[in-house]
N, C-alpha and C. Protein backbone atom coordinates (compact mmCIF):
# COMPACT_ATOMS: atom_id res chain seq x y z
N MET A 1 0.85 -1.18 0.00
CA MET A 1 0.00 0.00 0.00
C MET A 1 0.89 1.24 0.00
N LEU A 2 0.51 2.24 -0.77
CA LEU A 2 1.27 3.49 -0.84
C LEU A 2 0.85 4.44 0.26
N SER A 3 1.84 5.05 0.88
CA SER A 3 1.52 6.10 1.85
C SER A 3 1.19 7.37 1.08
N GLY A 4 0.63 8.34 1.75
CA GLY A 4 0.28 9.61 1.11
C GLY A 4 1.49 10.27 0.47
N THR A 5 2.63 10.23 1.15
CA THR A 5 3.85 10.85 0.62
C THR A 5 4.33 10.12 -0.62
N ASN A 6 4.35 8.77 -0.58
CA ASN A 6 4.79 8.00 -1.74
C ASN A 6 3.87 8.21 -2.93
N PHE A 7 2.58 8.30 -2.68
CA PHE A 7 1.63 8.54 -3.75
C PHE A 7 1.88 9.89 -4.41
N LYS A 8 2.13 10.92 -3.59
CA LYS A 8 2.39 12.25 -4.13
C LYS A 8 3.65 12.26 -4.98
N VAL A 9 4.67 11.54 -4.55
CA VAL A 9 5.91 11.46 -5.32
C VAL A 9 5.65 10.79 -6.66
N LEU A 10 4.94 9.67 -6.65
CA LEU A 10 4.62 8.97 -7.90
C LEU A 10 3.77 9.84 -8.82
N LEU A 11 2.80 10.54 -8.26
CA LEU A 11 1.96 11.42 -9.06
C LEU A 11 2.79 12.54 -9.67
N SER A 12 3.69 13.12 -8.91
CA SER A 12 4.55 14.19 -9.42
C SER A 12 5.43 13.68 -10.55
N LEU A 13 5.98 12.48 -10.39
CA LEU A 13 6.82 11.91 -11.44
C LEU A 13 6.02 11.63 -12.69
N ALA A 14 4.81 11.15 -12.55
CA ALA A 14 3.95 10.88 -13.70
C ALA A 14 3.62 12.16 -14.44
N CYS A 15 3.28 13.21 -13.71
CA CYS A 15 2.97 14.49 -14.34
C CYS A 15 4.20 15.08 -15.01
N ALA A 16 5.36 14.95 -14.39
CA ALA A 16 6.59 15.48 -14.97
C ALA A 16 6.91 14.77 -16.27
N ALA A 17 6.65 13.48 -16.33
CA ALA A 17 6.92 12.74 -17.56
C ALA A 17 6.03 13.23 -18.69
N VAL A 18 4.80 13.57 -18.38
CA VAL A 18 3.86 14.03 -19.39
C VAL A 18 4.18 15.44 -19.86
N THR A 19 4.71 16.28 -18.97
CA THR A 19 4.85 17.69 -19.29
C THR A 19 6.30 18.14 -19.48
N SER A 20 7.24 17.22 -19.51
CA SER A 20 8.63 17.62 -19.72
C SER A 20 8.92 17.68 -21.21
N ALA A 21 10.20 17.74 -21.55
CA ALA A 21 10.60 17.89 -22.95
C ALA A 21 10.47 16.58 -23.72
N VAL A 22 9.39 15.88 -23.50
CA VAL A 22 9.10 14.66 -24.25
C VAL A 22 8.26 15.06 -25.45
N PRO A 23 8.72 14.74 -26.67
CA PRO A 23 7.93 15.13 -27.84
C PRO A 23 6.52 14.54 -27.80
N THR A 24 5.55 15.36 -28.14
CA THR A 24 4.15 14.99 -28.17
C THR A 24 3.63 15.28 -29.57
N THR A 25 2.70 14.46 -30.05
CA THR A 25 2.12 14.68 -31.37
C THR A 25 0.69 15.14 -31.23
N GLY A 26 0.34 16.19 -31.96
CA GLY A 26 -1.01 16.73 -31.93
C GLY A 26 -1.25 17.59 -33.16
N THR A 27 -2.27 18.41 -33.08
CA THR A 27 -2.63 19.32 -34.17
C THR A 27 -2.37 20.75 -33.73
N VAL A 28 -1.83 21.54 -34.65
CA VAL A 28 -1.63 22.97 -34.40
C VAL A 28 -2.79 23.71 -35.04
N PHE A 29 -3.36 24.65 -34.30
CA PHE A 29 -4.43 25.49 -34.85
C PHE A 29 -4.11 26.95 -34.58
N GLN A 30 -4.87 27.83 -35.20
CA GLN A 30 -4.62 29.27 -35.09
C GLN A 30 -5.41 29.87 -33.94
N ILE A 31 -4.75 30.80 -33.22
CA ILE A 31 -5.41 31.51 -32.12
C ILE A 31 -5.23 33.01 -32.31
N THR A 32 -6.06 33.77 -31.62
CA THR A 32 -5.90 35.22 -31.54
C THR A 32 -5.59 35.53 -30.09
N PRO A 33 -4.32 35.84 -29.78
CA PRO A 33 -3.96 36.10 -28.38
C PRO A 33 -4.62 37.35 -27.83
N GLY A 34 -4.73 37.40 -26.54
CA GLY A 34 -5.26 38.55 -25.80
C GLY A 34 -4.70 38.46 -24.40
N ILE A 35 -5.55 38.64 -23.40
CA ILE A 35 -5.10 38.44 -22.02
C ILE A 35 -5.15 36.94 -21.76
N GLY A 36 -4.00 36.34 -21.53
CA GLY A 36 -3.91 34.91 -21.35
C GLY A 36 -3.96 34.50 -19.90
N ALA A 37 -4.02 33.20 -19.67
CA ALA A 37 -4.09 32.65 -18.32
C ALA A 37 -2.86 33.01 -17.48
N CYS A 38 -1.75 33.31 -18.14
CA CYS A 38 -0.54 33.69 -17.41
C CYS A 38 -0.60 35.13 -16.91
N GLY A 39 -1.64 35.87 -17.33
CA GLY A 39 -1.84 37.23 -16.83
C GLY A 39 -1.24 38.32 -17.69
N TRP A 40 -0.70 37.95 -18.84
CA TRP A 40 -0.09 38.94 -19.73
C TRP A 40 -1.00 39.22 -20.91
N THR A 41 -0.95 40.45 -21.41
CA THR A 41 -1.67 40.79 -22.62
C THR A 41 -0.72 40.58 -23.79
N ASN A 42 -1.13 39.76 -24.74
CA ASN A 42 -0.31 39.42 -25.89
C ASN A 42 -1.01 39.80 -27.18
N THR A 43 -0.23 39.93 -28.24
CA THR A 43 -0.78 40.26 -29.55
C THR A 43 -0.44 39.15 -30.54
N SER A 44 -1.09 39.19 -31.68
CA SER A 44 -0.85 38.18 -32.72
C SER A 44 0.53 38.35 -33.37
N MET A 45 1.23 39.42 -33.07
CA MET A 45 2.56 39.64 -33.63
C MET A 45 3.65 39.01 -32.76
N GLN A 46 3.28 38.50 -31.60
CA GLN A 46 4.25 37.90 -30.69
C GLN A 46 4.36 36.39 -30.89
N ALA A 47 5.51 35.85 -30.53
CA ALA A 47 5.74 34.41 -30.60
C ALA A 47 5.22 33.78 -29.31
N VAL A 48 3.91 33.56 -29.27
CA VAL A 48 3.25 33.01 -28.09
C VAL A 48 2.40 31.81 -28.49
N GLY A 49 2.01 31.02 -27.49
CA GLY A 49 1.21 29.85 -27.78
C GLY A 49 0.32 29.46 -26.62
N SER A 50 -0.57 28.53 -26.92
CA SER A 50 -1.57 28.06 -25.98
C SER A 50 -1.53 26.53 -25.96
N VAL A 51 -1.63 25.96 -24.76
CA VAL A 51 -1.69 24.52 -24.59
C VAL A 51 -3.06 24.16 -24.01
N SER A 52 -3.39 22.89 -23.98
CA SER A 52 -4.68 22.47 -23.44
C SER A 52 -4.75 22.72 -21.94
N ASN A 53 -5.98 22.81 -21.44
CA ASN A 53 -6.16 22.98 -20.00
C ASN A 53 -5.54 21.82 -19.22
N THR A 54 -5.55 20.62 -19.77
CA THR A 54 -4.94 19.47 -19.11
C THR A 54 -3.43 19.67 -18.98
N THR A 55 -2.78 20.03 -20.08
CA THR A 55 -1.33 20.26 -20.05
C THR A 55 -1.00 21.40 -19.08
N PHE A 56 -1.76 22.49 -19.15
CA PHE A 56 -1.51 23.66 -18.31
C PHE A 56 -1.69 23.33 -16.84
N ASN A 57 -2.81 22.71 -16.49
CA ASN A 57 -3.14 22.47 -15.09
C ASN A 57 -2.39 21.32 -14.44
N HIS A 58 -1.78 20.44 -15.24
CA HIS A 58 -1.02 19.32 -14.69
C HIS A 58 0.48 19.54 -14.80
N PHE A 59 0.89 20.73 -15.18
CA PHE A 59 2.32 21.02 -15.24
C PHE A 59 2.87 21.00 -13.81
N PRO A 60 4.05 20.40 -13.59
CA PRO A 60 4.60 20.35 -12.23
C PRO A 60 4.69 21.74 -11.59
N GLY A 61 4.12 21.85 -10.39
CA GLY A 61 4.14 23.11 -9.66
C GLY A 61 2.94 24.00 -9.94
N ALA A 62 1.99 23.52 -10.77
CA ALA A 62 0.80 24.32 -11.09
C ALA A 62 0.06 24.69 -9.81
N THR A 63 -0.46 25.91 -9.78
CA THR A 63 -1.20 26.40 -8.62
C THR A 63 -2.64 26.71 -9.03
N LYS A 64 -3.48 27.02 -8.06
CA LYS A 64 -4.85 27.41 -8.37
C LYS A 64 -4.88 28.74 -9.11
N ASN A 65 -3.87 29.58 -8.89
CA ASN A 65 -3.78 30.86 -9.59
C ASN A 65 -2.99 30.63 -10.87
N PRO A 66 -3.65 30.65 -12.04
CA PRO A 66 -2.94 30.36 -13.29
C PRO A 66 -1.81 31.34 -13.58
N ASN A 67 -1.89 32.56 -13.05
CA ASN A 67 -0.81 33.54 -13.25
C ASN A 67 0.51 33.07 -12.65
N LYS A 68 0.42 32.18 -11.67
CA LYS A 68 1.62 31.71 -10.97
C LYS A 68 2.06 30.32 -11.44
N ASN A 69 1.44 29.80 -12.48
CA ASN A 69 1.79 28.47 -12.98
C ASN A 69 3.18 28.53 -13.62
N PRO A 70 4.09 27.64 -13.20
CA PRO A 70 5.44 27.66 -13.77
C PRO A 70 5.49 27.38 -15.27
N ILE A 71 4.41 26.86 -15.84
CA ILE A 71 4.40 26.65 -17.28
C ILE A 71 4.50 27.98 -18.03
N CYS A 72 4.12 29.07 -17.35
CA CYS A 72 4.18 30.39 -17.98
C CYS A 72 5.62 30.83 -18.27
N ASN A 73 6.59 30.18 -17.68
CA ASN A 73 8.00 30.47 -17.96
C ASN A 73 8.60 29.47 -18.94
N GLN A 74 7.74 28.69 -19.57
CA GLN A 74 8.19 27.65 -20.49
C GLN A 74 7.86 28.03 -21.94
N TRP A 75 8.47 27.30 -22.84
CA TRP A 75 8.28 27.53 -24.27
C TRP A 75 7.84 26.24 -24.95
N LEU A 76 7.23 26.39 -26.12
CA LEU A 76 6.87 25.26 -26.97
C LEU A 76 7.80 25.27 -28.18
N ARG A 77 8.34 24.11 -28.49
CA ARG A 77 9.07 23.93 -29.75
C ARG A 77 8.14 23.11 -30.64
N VAL A 78 7.67 23.72 -31.71
CA VAL A 78 6.69 23.09 -32.60
C VAL A 78 7.39 22.75 -33.91
N THR A 79 7.31 21.47 -34.32
CA THR A 79 8.00 21.01 -35.52
C THR A 79 7.03 20.30 -36.45
N VAL A 80 7.08 20.68 -37.73
CA VAL A 80 6.26 20.02 -38.74
C VAL A 80 7.18 19.55 -39.87
N PRO A 81 6.87 18.39 -40.46
CA PRO A 81 7.66 17.96 -41.61
C PRO A 81 7.30 18.81 -42.82
N SER A 82 8.28 19.08 -43.66
CA SER A 82 8.05 19.89 -44.85
C SER A 82 8.55 19.15 -46.08
N LYS A 83 7.75 19.17 -47.14
CA LYS A 83 8.16 18.56 -48.41
C LYS A 83 9.10 19.49 -49.17
N GLY A 84 9.19 20.73 -48.69
CA GLY A 84 10.06 21.69 -49.36
C GLY A 84 9.38 22.33 -50.56
N VAL A 85 10.03 23.33 -51.10
CA VAL A 85 9.56 24.02 -52.29
C VAL A 85 10.71 24.00 -53.27
N HIS A 86 10.51 23.38 -54.43
CA HIS A 86 11.58 23.19 -55.40
C HIS A 86 12.29 24.50 -55.71
N GLY A 87 13.60 24.50 -55.49
CA GLY A 87 14.41 25.67 -55.79
C GLY A 87 14.34 26.78 -54.76
N VAL A 88 13.47 26.65 -53.76
CA VAL A 88 13.32 27.70 -52.76
C VAL A 88 13.69 27.20 -51.37
N GLN A 89 13.13 26.07 -51.01
CA GLN A 89 13.33 25.54 -49.66
C GLN A 89 13.50 24.03 -49.73
N PRO A 90 14.54 23.48 -49.11
CA PRO A 90 14.72 22.03 -49.14
C PRO A 90 13.71 21.32 -48.24
N ALA A 91 13.50 20.04 -48.53
CA ALA A 91 12.64 19.24 -47.67
C ALA A 91 13.30 19.07 -46.31
N GLY A 92 12.51 18.88 -45.30
CA GLY A 92 13.02 18.72 -43.94
C GLY A 92 11.98 19.18 -42.95
N ASN A 93 12.40 19.47 -41.75
CA ASN A 93 11.46 19.92 -40.72
C ASN A 93 11.48 21.43 -40.60
N LEU A 94 10.32 22.00 -40.33
CA LEU A 94 10.20 23.42 -40.01
C LEU A 94 9.90 23.51 -38.52
N THR A 95 10.61 24.37 -37.81
CA THR A 95 10.44 24.48 -36.36
C THR A 95 10.30 25.93 -35.94
N ILE A 96 9.38 26.17 -35.02
CA ILE A 96 9.24 27.49 -34.40
C ILE A 96 9.25 27.30 -32.89
N GLU A 97 9.52 28.38 -32.17
CA GLU A 97 9.47 28.36 -30.71
C GLU A 97 8.60 29.51 -30.25
N VAL A 98 7.65 29.20 -29.36
CA VAL A 98 6.73 30.22 -28.83
C VAL A 98 6.62 30.06 -27.32
N GLN A 99 6.43 31.18 -26.63
CA GLN A 99 6.27 31.14 -25.17
C GLN A 99 4.83 30.76 -24.83
N ILE A 100 4.67 29.89 -23.85
CA ILE A 100 3.34 29.49 -23.39
C ILE A 100 2.75 30.63 -22.56
N VAL A 101 1.58 31.13 -22.97
CA VAL A 101 0.95 32.25 -22.28
C VAL A 101 -0.51 31.99 -21.91
N ASP A 102 -1.07 30.87 -22.37
CA ASP A 102 -2.50 30.64 -22.18
C ASP A 102 -2.81 29.16 -22.31
N PHE A 103 -4.06 28.82 -22.00
CA PHE A 103 -4.56 27.48 -22.26
C PHE A 103 -5.92 27.58 -22.94
N PHE A 104 -6.30 26.51 -23.60
CA PHE A 104 -7.63 26.43 -24.20
C PHE A 104 -8.35 25.25 -23.56
N LYS A 105 -9.66 25.34 -23.51
CA LYS A 105 -10.46 24.24 -22.97
C LYS A 105 -10.60 23.18 -24.06
N GLU A 106 -10.36 21.95 -23.66
CA GLU A 106 -10.50 20.85 -24.60
C GLU A 106 -11.94 20.74 -25.06
N SER A 107 -12.10 20.34 -26.31
CA SER A 107 -13.42 20.18 -26.92
C SER A 107 -13.29 19.14 -28.02
N PRO A 108 -14.39 18.81 -28.70
CA PRO A 108 -14.27 17.86 -29.81
C PRO A 108 -13.33 18.35 -30.91
N LYS A 109 -13.11 19.67 -30.99
CA LYS A 109 -12.22 20.21 -32.02
C LYS A 109 -10.83 20.55 -31.50
N ALA A 110 -10.64 20.57 -30.20
CA ALA A 110 -9.34 20.91 -29.60
C ALA A 110 -9.03 19.89 -28.51
N HIS A 111 -8.02 19.08 -28.74
CA HIS A 111 -7.70 17.97 -27.85
C HIS A 111 -6.52 18.27 -26.94
N ALA A 112 -6.30 17.38 -25.98
CA ALA A 112 -5.25 17.57 -24.97
C ALA A 112 -3.86 17.72 -25.58
N ASN A 113 -3.60 17.07 -26.70
CA ASN A 113 -2.27 17.13 -27.32
C ASN A 113 -2.14 18.19 -28.40
N ASP A 114 -3.13 19.04 -28.54
CA ASP A 114 -3.08 20.11 -29.55
C ASP A 114 -2.43 21.36 -28.96
N VAL A 115 -2.00 22.26 -29.83
CA VAL A 115 -1.46 23.55 -29.40
C VAL A 115 -1.98 24.63 -30.34
N GLY A 116 -2.11 25.84 -29.81
CA GLY A 116 -2.56 26.98 -30.61
C GLY A 116 -1.46 28.01 -30.73
N ILE A 117 -1.34 28.60 -31.93
CA ILE A 117 -0.35 29.65 -32.17
C ILE A 117 -0.98 30.74 -33.02
N PRO A 118 -0.47 31.98 -32.93
CA PRO A 118 -1.02 33.06 -33.75
C PRO A 118 -0.76 32.83 -35.24
N VAL A 119 -1.56 33.48 -36.06
CA VAL A 119 -1.46 33.35 -37.51
C VAL A 119 -0.04 33.64 -38.00
N ARG A 120 0.60 34.66 -37.45
CA ARG A 120 1.96 35.00 -37.90
C ARG A 120 2.91 33.82 -37.72
N MET A 121 2.83 33.13 -36.61
CA MET A 121 3.70 31.98 -36.36
C MET A 121 3.25 30.78 -37.20
N PHE A 122 1.94 30.61 -37.34
CA PHE A 122 1.38 29.53 -38.14
C PHE A 122 1.89 29.62 -39.57
N SER A 123 1.96 30.86 -40.10
CA SER A 123 2.38 31.07 -41.49
C SER A 123 3.84 30.66 -41.72
N GLU A 124 4.63 30.52 -40.67
CA GLU A 124 6.00 30.05 -40.81
C GLU A 124 6.06 28.53 -40.98
N LEU A 125 4.94 27.86 -40.69
CA LEU A 125 4.88 26.41 -40.77
C LEU A 125 4.05 25.90 -41.94
N ALA A 126 3.01 26.64 -42.30
CA ALA A 126 2.09 26.18 -43.35
C ALA A 126 1.30 27.36 -43.89
N ASN A 127 0.59 27.10 -44.97
CA ASN A 127 -0.29 28.11 -45.54
C ASN A 127 -1.42 28.37 -44.54
N VAL A 128 -1.66 29.62 -44.23
CA VAL A 128 -2.68 30.00 -43.25
C VAL A 128 -4.05 29.46 -43.63
N LYS A 129 -4.32 29.33 -44.92
CA LYS A 129 -5.63 28.86 -45.39
C LYS A 129 -5.91 27.42 -44.98
N THR A 130 -4.87 26.65 -44.64
CA THR A 130 -5.10 25.26 -44.24
C THR A 130 -5.83 25.19 -42.90
N GLY A 131 -5.66 26.21 -42.06
CA GLY A 131 -6.37 26.28 -40.78
C GLY A 131 -5.78 25.47 -39.66
N ILE A 132 -5.37 24.24 -39.95
CA ILE A 132 -4.76 23.37 -38.94
C ILE A 132 -3.58 22.63 -39.56
N ILE A 133 -2.71 22.14 -38.70
CA ILE A 133 -1.60 21.29 -39.14
C ILE A 133 -1.64 20.04 -38.27
N PRO A 134 -2.18 18.93 -38.80
CA PRO A 134 -2.23 17.69 -38.01
C PRO A 134 -0.85 17.03 -37.92
N ASN A 135 -0.73 16.07 -37.02
CA ASN A 135 0.49 15.28 -36.87
C ASN A 135 1.73 16.13 -36.68
N THR A 136 1.59 17.14 -35.84
CA THR A 136 2.69 18.04 -35.52
C THR A 136 3.35 17.59 -34.22
N THR A 137 4.66 17.67 -34.17
CA THR A 137 5.39 17.31 -32.95
C THR A 137 5.69 18.58 -32.17
N TRP A 138 5.47 18.53 -30.86
CA TRP A 138 5.81 19.68 -30.02
C TRP A 138 6.33 19.19 -28.69
N GLU A 139 7.09 20.06 -28.04
CA GLU A 139 7.61 19.76 -26.71
C GLU A 139 7.73 21.04 -25.91
N ILE A 140 7.61 20.91 -24.60
CA ILE A 140 7.76 22.03 -23.69
C ILE A 140 9.21 22.07 -23.23
N PHE A 141 9.78 23.26 -23.22
CA PHE A 141 11.16 23.40 -22.74
C PHE A 141 11.34 24.76 -22.09
N LYS A 142 12.38 24.88 -21.29
CA LYS A 142 12.72 26.15 -20.66
C LYS A 142 13.76 26.82 -21.55
N LYS A 143 13.49 28.05 -21.96
CA LYS A 143 14.41 28.79 -22.82
C LYS A 143 15.78 28.83 -22.16
N GLY A 144 16.80 28.53 -22.92
CA GLY A 144 18.15 28.51 -22.38
C GLY A 144 18.64 27.10 -22.08
N ASP A 145 17.69 26.15 -21.93
CA ASP A 145 18.08 24.75 -21.74
C ASP A 145 18.42 24.15 -23.09
N ALA A 146 19.31 23.21 -23.10
CA ALA A 146 19.72 22.57 -24.36
C ALA A 146 18.63 21.68 -24.89
């Protein structure tokens, strides 16, 4: 039988595994930033992003006050495969980095493994008219960490 302390340690380790720099696959969609859960006012011209409420609320050290959630000091590295553009861009991966500033509520159209980014950042990965980019790899990291 697990004691309360042992259970808390196991739960913390499980949450850390889910929210650390482990690549996750989901869909990227477009957002219009404003006042986010981290308490900052952001614009669509900034390199910012949104994660699901599950990812946000289960990040290690998360508090009841979303402004104090340590995920607000983290970044998303979003990578999509690219077929390239003949003579312009070689095939390979396209990657952007955005600071986590908000969360979205999961719904039938927005899942736990999805992420949202502003149109300006989206346009660096795909044609804005596509609306979403499925099968995208992303990971949470602290800026400055390798």
